[in-house]
Amino acid sequence: MRSVLLGVGGHLPERVLTNAELAKRLDTSDEWIVERTGIRERRIAADDEKTSDLACVAALNAMNAAGREASDIDLVIVATTTPDLTFPATAARVQAELGINQGAAFDLQAVCSGFIFALATADNFLVRGQAKTALVIGAETFSRLLDWDDRGTCILFGDGAGAVILEAEDGPGDRGVISTFLRTDGRMHDLLYVDGGVSETNTVGKVRMVGNAVFRQAVEHISGAMLEACARAGLSIDAVDWFVPHQANQRILDGVARKLGIDAQKVVSTVAFHGNTSAASVPLALDVAVRDGRIKPGQLVLMEALGGGLTWGAALVRM
């Protein structure tokens, strides 16, 4: 039994926030931001636009690409750090909005690694026969967590959603999720976190990050996760056709590529125009590369991410 990826979809809010606009309110410039992050602009959700709204559009696009209806789906997982409400799960709202009247729906929280964790979770449900068709979404209104006076964080993040349809398939074939690797080390909690929460502060809080430390951890752990995912599949990193990383910072993408000797032309990068959309960044980048024809059926794709927790992981998929 294999989890085959049938379709991908993405969605971004309409509002574009450029570096030039940020420079009007912060001690920064377009040149400074681009040099340090590779980011030129990011999307910001409207005041009345919820995480579930973004998720639903991305989900419908993925369902259309996969040729699947609401009646086909029996598992919905939404990876998000910015749920609509404390409860119920944003996935429950998405399930209802899409008219999915069967199966289970729940949220998963692993911050920027959320989509990789959700993909691995859905894969386990499918290969064990506990679901047939899964809708896996990464969706964020991360701008709601930003301190717009903190130049070290507010220039990095944006809003958006990406989704995939996975379906259990039995019999011969090599398509689908081949291997996954997930890891968490809570000892590094203070490197990237939000300083608020229901239980501890009774506030929403804002993102706080030790940037240099996160950069070092990202290059090391992402590289290790990618190698481990390939090793579990009995493949070398050279066998991979496309790398779809979490879009945190172009310098991290470049650092990982150099460390592993990966051709930069094989790395999908959308960070310049999306910024860091946390759990949405991997499926959004995957959607872009599928729609523009770079990623083709039968090719090996390696996705990876690192986020607060710290969490990190990788997933190897044959399209």
Protein backbone atom coordinates (compact mmCIF):
# COMPACT_ATOMS: atom_id res chain seq x y z
CA MET A 1 0.00 0.00 0.00
CA ARG A 2 1.37 3.40 -1.02
CA SER A 3 0.26 7.02 -0.54
CA VAL A 4 0.16 8.53 -4.01
CA LEU A 5 0.19 12.30 -4.46
CA LEU A 6 -2.60 13.03 -6.93
CA GLY A 7 -2.85 16.83 -6.94
CA VAL A 8 -1.41 20.03 -5.55
CA GLY A 9 -3.00 23.44 -4.97
CA GLY A 10 -2.01 26.79 -3.55
CA HIS A 11 -3.51 30.15 -2.66
CA LEU A 12 -2.10 33.54 -1.67
CA PRO A 13 -3.88 36.63 -0.32
CA GLU A 14 -4.23 39.52 -2.75
CA ARG A 15 -2.34 42.13 -0.74
CA VAL A 16 1.36 42.39 -1.58
CA LEU A 17 3.71 43.92 0.99
CA THR A 18 6.99 44.98 -0.59
CA ASN A 19 10.35 45.68 1.02
CA ALA A 20 9.99 49.32 -0.02
CA GLU A 21 6.82 49.59 2.07
CA LEU A 22 8.55 48.06 5.08
CA ALA A 23 11.44 50.50 4.66
CA LYS A 24 9.02 53.37 5.26
CA ARG A 25 8.37 52.20 8.81
CA LEU A 26 11.58 50.36 9.72
CA ASP A 27 15.30 51.09 9.70
CA THR A 28 15.85 48.91 6.63
CA SER A 29 15.90 48.96 2.83
CA ASP A 30 15.04 46.72 -0.07
CA GLU A 31 18.75 46.07 -0.65
CA TRP A 32 19.35 45.12 3.01
CA ILE A 33 16.44 42.67 3.10
CA VAL A 34 17.27 41.05 -0.25
CA GLU A 35 20.94 40.65 0.64
CA ARG A 36 20.19 38.91 3.95
CA THR A 37 17.07 36.93 3.08
CA GLY A 38 16.41 36.90 -0.66
CA ILE A 39 12.88 38.17 0.03
CA ARG A 40 11.47 40.96 -2.13
CA GLU A 41 7.80 40.82 -1.17
CA ARG A 42 5.27 38.78 0.77
CA ARG A 43 1.46 38.43 0.88
CA ILE A 44 -0.63 39.64 3.82
CA ALA A 45 -4.14 38.40 4.60
CA ALA A 46 -6.95 40.93 4.70
CA ASP A 47 -8.42 41.80 8.11
CA ASP A 48 -11.45 39.60 7.45
CA GLU A 49 -9.46 36.76 5.85
CA LYS A 50 -8.99 33.73 8.10
CA THR A 51 -6.55 30.83 7.90
CA SER A 52 -9.47 28.56 7.01
CA ASP A 53 -10.39 30.84 4.09
CA LEU A 54 -6.92 30.47 2.59
CA ALA A 55 -6.93 26.74 3.33
CA CYS A 56 -10.26 26.14 1.60
CA VAL A 57 -9.18 27.79 -1.67
CA ALA A 58 -5.89 25.87 -1.73
CA ALA A 59 -7.78 22.67 -0.95
CA LEU A 60 -10.26 23.18 -3.80
CA ASN A 61 -7.39 23.81 -6.20
CA ALA A 62 -5.71 20.58 -5.07
CA MET A 63 -8.98 18.64 -5.36
CA ASN A 64 -9.52 19.95 -8.88
CA ALA A 65 -5.98 19.01 -9.86
CA ALA A 66 -6.50 15.52 -8.44
CA GLY A 67 -9.97 15.05 -9.91
CA ARG A 68 -11.44 14.31 -6.50
CA GLU A 69 -14.67 15.49 -4.86
CA ALA A 70 -15.59 16.14 -1.24
CA SER A 71 -17.27 12.75 -1.11
CA ASP A 72 -13.94 11.05 -1.86
CA ILE A 73 -12.03 12.52 1.09
CA ASP A 74 -12.04 10.81 4.49
CA LEU A 75 -9.12 12.55 6.20
CA VAL A 76 -8.35 16.27 6.55
CA ILE A 77 -5.17 17.47 8.26
CA VAL A 78 -4.38 21.17 8.54
CA ALA A 79 -0.86 22.10 9.58
CA THR A 80 -1.00 25.59 11.09
CA THR A 81 0.41 27.79 13.82
CA THR A 82 -2.36 30.36 13.32
CA PRO A 83 -5.72 28.58 13.75
CA ASP A 84 -8.98 30.46 13.34
CA LEU A 85 -9.88 29.77 16.97
CA THR A 86 -8.28 28.05 19.94
CA PHE A 87 -10.82 25.30 19.24
CA PRO A 88 -12.36 23.60 17.40
CA ALA A 89 -9.63 22.70 14.93
CA THR A 90 -9.35 24.76 11.78
CA ALA A 91 -9.49 21.43 9.94
CA ALA A 92 -13.03 20.93 11.25
CA ARG A 93 -14.07 24.26 9.76
CA VAL A 94 -12.37 23.41 6.46
CA GLN A 95 -14.07 20.02 6.41
CA ALA A 96 -17.47 21.63 6.88
CA GLU A 97 -16.88 24.43 4.36
CA LEU A 98 -15.83 21.94 1.68
CA GLY A 99 -18.79 19.65 2.32
CA ILE A 100 -16.70 16.70 3.47
CA ASN A 101 -19.17 14.74 5.56
CA GLN A 102 -17.13 11.68 6.46
CA GLY A 103 -13.86 10.72 8.11
CA ALA A 104 -11.67 12.63 10.57
CA ALA A 105 -10.30 16.17 10.57
CA PHE A 106 -7.69 17.65 12.89
CA ASP A 107 -4.95 20.27 13.13
CA LEU A 108 -1.25 19.56 13.49
CA GLN A 109 1.20 22.00 15.07
CA ALA A 110 4.88 21.78 14.19
CA VAL A 111 5.28 25.41 13.03
CA CYS A 112 7.30 25.66 9.80
CA SER A 113 7.80 21.87 9.71
CA GLY A 114 4.04 21.37 9.97
CA PHE A 115 3.37 20.30 6.41
CA ILE A 116 6.13 17.67 6.46
CA PHE A 117 4.79 16.31 9.77
CA ALA A 118 1.22 16.34 8.39
CA LEU A 119 2.28 14.56 5.19
CA ALA A 120 4.00 11.84 7.22
CA THR A 121 0.94 11.52 9.47
CA ALA A 122 -1.43 11.18 6.52
CA ASP A 123 0.88 8.62 4.91
CA ASN A 124 0.69 6.48 8.05
CA PHE A 125 -3.11 6.65 8.06
CA LEU A 126 -3.30 5.62 4.40
CA VAL A 127 -0.78 2.79 4.35
CA ARG A 128 -2.40 1.26 7.47
CA GLY A 129 -5.80 1.33 5.77
CA GLN A 130 -7.34 3.80 8.23
CA ALA A 131 -8.24 6.24 5.44
CA LYS A 132 -8.46 6.13 1.66
CA THR A 133 -8.03 9.74 0.49
CA ALA A 134 -6.39 12.50 2.51
CA LEU A 135 -6.43 16.26 2.12
CA VAL A 136 -3.24 17.66 3.67
CA ILE A 137 -3.02 21.45 4.02
CA GLY A 138 -0.43 23.90 5.27
CA ALA A 139 -2.11 27.25 5.95
CA GLU A 140 -1.06 30.36 7.84
CA THR A 141 -2.03 33.94 8.60
CA PHE A 142 1.39 34.34 10.17
CA SER A 143 1.31 38.13 9.87
CA ARG A 144 -1.04 38.13 12.88
CA LEU A 145 1.87 36.97 15.06
CA LEU A 146 4.41 39.56 13.96
CA ASP A 147 5.88 42.44 15.91
CA TRP A 148 6.02 45.04 13.14
CA ASP A 149 8.71 46.94 15.02
CA ASP A 150 11.05 43.93 15.11
CA ARG A 151 13.16 44.14 11.98
CA GLY A 152 14.64 40.70 12.63
CA THR A 153 11.31 38.90 12.18
CA CYS A 154 8.66 41.03 10.48
CA ILE A 155 10.60 41.20 7.19
CA LEU A 156 10.62 37.41 6.90
CA PHE A 157 7.06 36.16 7.11
CA GLY A 158 3.93 36.17 4.98
CA ASP A 159 0.55 34.48 4.65
CA GLY A 160 -0.73 31.74 2.35
CA ALA A 161 -1.89 28.15 1.99
CA GLY A 162 -0.92 25.05 0.05
CA ALA A 163 -2.53 21.63 -0.16
CA VAL A 164 -2.09 18.15 -1.58
CA ILE A 165 -4.37 15.17 -2.14
CA LEU A 166 -2.90 11.81 -1.11
CA GLU A 167 -4.65 8.55 -1.94
CA ALA A 168 -3.93 4.98 -0.89
CA GLU A 169 -3.03 2.77 -3.84
CA ASP A 170 -2.45 -0.97 -3.71
CA GLY A 171 -0.52 -3.13 -6.15
CA PRO A 172 2.68 -2.69 -8.18
CA GLY A 173 4.13 0.74 -8.83
CA ASP A 174 6.68 3.17 -7.46
CA ARG A 175 4.71 6.40 -7.21
CA GLY A 176 3.95 7.99 -3.88
CA VAL A 177 5.54 8.70 -0.52
CA ILE A 178 8.74 6.66 -0.33
CA SER A 179 10.16 7.73 3.02
CA THR A 180 9.82 10.36 5.74
CA PHE A 181 11.98 11.51 8.62
CA LEU A 182 10.74 13.63 11.55
CA ARG A 183 12.62 15.03 14.51
CA THR A 184 12.00 17.40 17.45
CA ASP A 185 14.40 18.76 20.05
CA GLY A 186 12.55 20.78 22.67
CA ARG A 187 15.80 21.86 24.29
CA MET A 188 16.08 24.52 21.55
CA HIS A 189 12.63 25.96 22.27
CA ASP A 190 13.96 29.47 22.98
CA LEU A 191 15.61 29.89 19.57
CA LEU A 192 12.28 30.39 17.79
CA TYR A 193 8.99 30.83 19.62
CA VAL A 194 5.95 33.01 20.26
CA ASP A 195 5.96 34.80 23.63
CA GLY A 196 2.28 34.22 24.31
CA GLY A 197 -0.28 31.47 24.68
CA VAL A 198 -3.55 30.49 26.32
CA SER A 199 -2.06 28.60 29.27
CA GLU A 200 1.09 30.58 30.01
CA THR A 201 0.26 34.24 29.33
CA ASN A 202 -3.40 34.39 28.27
CA THR A 203 -2.27 36.37 25.21
CA VAL A 204 -1.60 35.64 21.55
CA GLY A 205 2.00 36.85 21.70
CA LYS A 206 4.54 37.72 19.02
CA VAL A 207 7.26 35.81 17.19
CA ARG A 208 10.73 35.91 18.76
CA MET A 209 13.80 34.46 17.11
CA VAL A 210 17.55 34.16 17.64
CA GLY A 211 18.32 34.47 13.95
CA ASN A 212 21.97 33.43 13.75
CA ALA A 213 21.41 30.36 15.91
CA VAL A 214 18.37 29.29 13.88
CA PHE A 215 20.39 29.66 10.66
CA ARG A 216 23.11 27.33 11.95
CA GLN A 217 20.63 24.76 13.21
CA ALA A 218 18.65 24.90 9.96
CA VAL A 219 21.61 24.15 7.69
CA GLU A 220 22.80 21.29 9.89
CA HIS A 221 19.49 19.61 10.67
CA ILE A 222 17.83 20.08 7.29
CA SER A 223 20.86 18.55 5.58
CA GLY A 224 20.77 15.61 7.97
CA ALA A 225 17.03 15.06 7.48
CA MET A 226 17.41 15.04 3.71
CA LEU A 227 20.22 12.49 3.84
CA GLU A 228 18.26 10.32 6.28
CA ALA A 229 15.12 10.33 4.11
CA CYS A 230 17.22 9.23 1.12
CA ALA A 231 19.05 6.58 3.17
CA ARG A 232 15.74 5.11 4.36
CA ALA A 233 14.76 4.74 0.71
CA GLY A 234 18.11 3.23 -0.25
CA LEU A 235 18.84 6.14 -2.58
CA SER A 236 21.59 8.72 -2.84
CA ILE A 237 20.93 12.45 -2.78
CA ASP A 238 22.06 12.52 -6.43
CA ALA A 239 19.01 10.45 -7.42
CA VAL A 240 16.63 13.27 -6.47
CA ASP A 241 15.26 15.30 -9.38
CA TRP A 242 13.90 18.27 -7.41
CA PHE A 243 14.35 19.70 -3.94
CA VAL A 244 11.40 21.62 -2.47
CA PRO A 245 12.57 23.21 0.77
CA HIS A 246 10.81 25.27 3.38
CA GLN A 247 11.12 28.84 2.14
CA ALA A 248 12.65 30.43 5.23
CA ASN A 249 15.57 32.36 3.82
CA GLN A 250 17.48 32.13 0.55
CA ARG A 251 20.75 31.95 2.47
CA ILE A 252 19.54 28.79 4.22
CA LEU A 253 18.52 27.25 0.89
CA ASP A 254 21.93 28.10 -0.57
CA GLY A 255 23.76 26.85 2.54
CA VAL A 256 22.05 23.46 2.46
CA ALA A 257 22.69 23.10 -1.29
CA ARG A 258 26.39 23.85 -0.81
CA LYS A 259 26.70 21.47 2.15
CA LEU A 260 25.21 18.57 0.17
CA GLY A 261 26.67 19.47 -3.23
CA ILE A 262 23.24 20.03 -4.79
CA ASP A 263 22.92 21.88 -8.09
CA ALA A 264 21.10 25.14 -7.29
CA GLN A 265 19.05 24.67 -10.47
CA LYS A 266 17.36 21.66 -8.84
CA VAL A 267 16.17 23.69 -5.82
CA VAL A 268 12.69 25.23 -6.05
CA SER A 269 12.75 28.71 -4.52
CA THR A 270 9.72 30.96 -4.09
CA VAL A 271 11.00 32.87 -1.08
CA ALA A 272 11.57 36.08 -3.07
CA PHE A 273 7.85 36.54 -3.67
CA HIS A 274 6.19 34.55 -0.88
CA GLY A 275 8.50 35.16 2.07
CA ASN A 276 8.35 32.57 4.84
CA THR A 277 4.76 31.29 5.01
CA SER A 278 5.59 28.73 7.73
CA ALA A 279 3.61 25.49 7.25
CA ALA A 280 2.31 26.73 3.89
CA SER A 281 5.70 27.29 2.28
CA VAL A 282 6.53 23.75 1.13
CA PRO A 283 3.16 22.99 -0.55
CA LEU A 284 3.06 26.49 -2.06
CA ALA A 285 6.50 25.99 -3.60
CA LEU A 286 5.53 22.49 -4.76
CA ASP A 287 2.40 23.90 -6.41
CA VAL A 288 4.39 26.56 -8.27
CA ALA A 289 6.88 24.02 -9.63
CA VAL A 290 4.17 21.55 -10.66
CA ARG A 291 2.11 24.21 -12.42
CA ASP A 292 5.04 25.71 -14.31
CA GLY A 293 6.04 22.25 -15.56
CA ARG A 294 9.35 21.85 -13.78
CA ILE A 295 8.19 18.91 -11.67
CA LYS A 296 6.86 16.11 -13.85
CA PRO A 297 5.17 12.76 -13.16
CA GLY A 298 7.63 10.06 -12.22
CA GLN A 299 10.25 12.41 -10.83
CA LEU A 300 11.71 12.15 -7.34
CA VAL A 301 10.98 15.15 -5.11
CA LEU A 302 12.55 15.73 -1.70
CA MET A 303 10.74 18.17 0.61
CA GLU A 304 12.18 19.43 3.90
CA ALA A 305 11.66 22.01 6.64
CA LEU A 306 12.78 23.27 10.04
CA GLY A 307 10.61 25.19 12.48
CA GLY A 308 10.06 26.22 16.06
CA GLY A 309 10.32 23.50 18.66
CA LEU A 310 12.82 22.99 17.19
CA THR A 311 11.23 20.61 14.68
CA TRP A 312 12.63 19.39 11.40
CA GLY A 313 11.98 16.70 8.83
CA ALA A 314 12.00 15.56 5.22
CA ALA A 315 9.76 13.60 2.88
CA LEU A 316 10.79 11.82 -0.31
CA VAL A 317 8.01 11.41 -2.88
CA ARG A 318 7.86 10.07 -6.43
CA MET A 319 5.34 12.18 -8.31
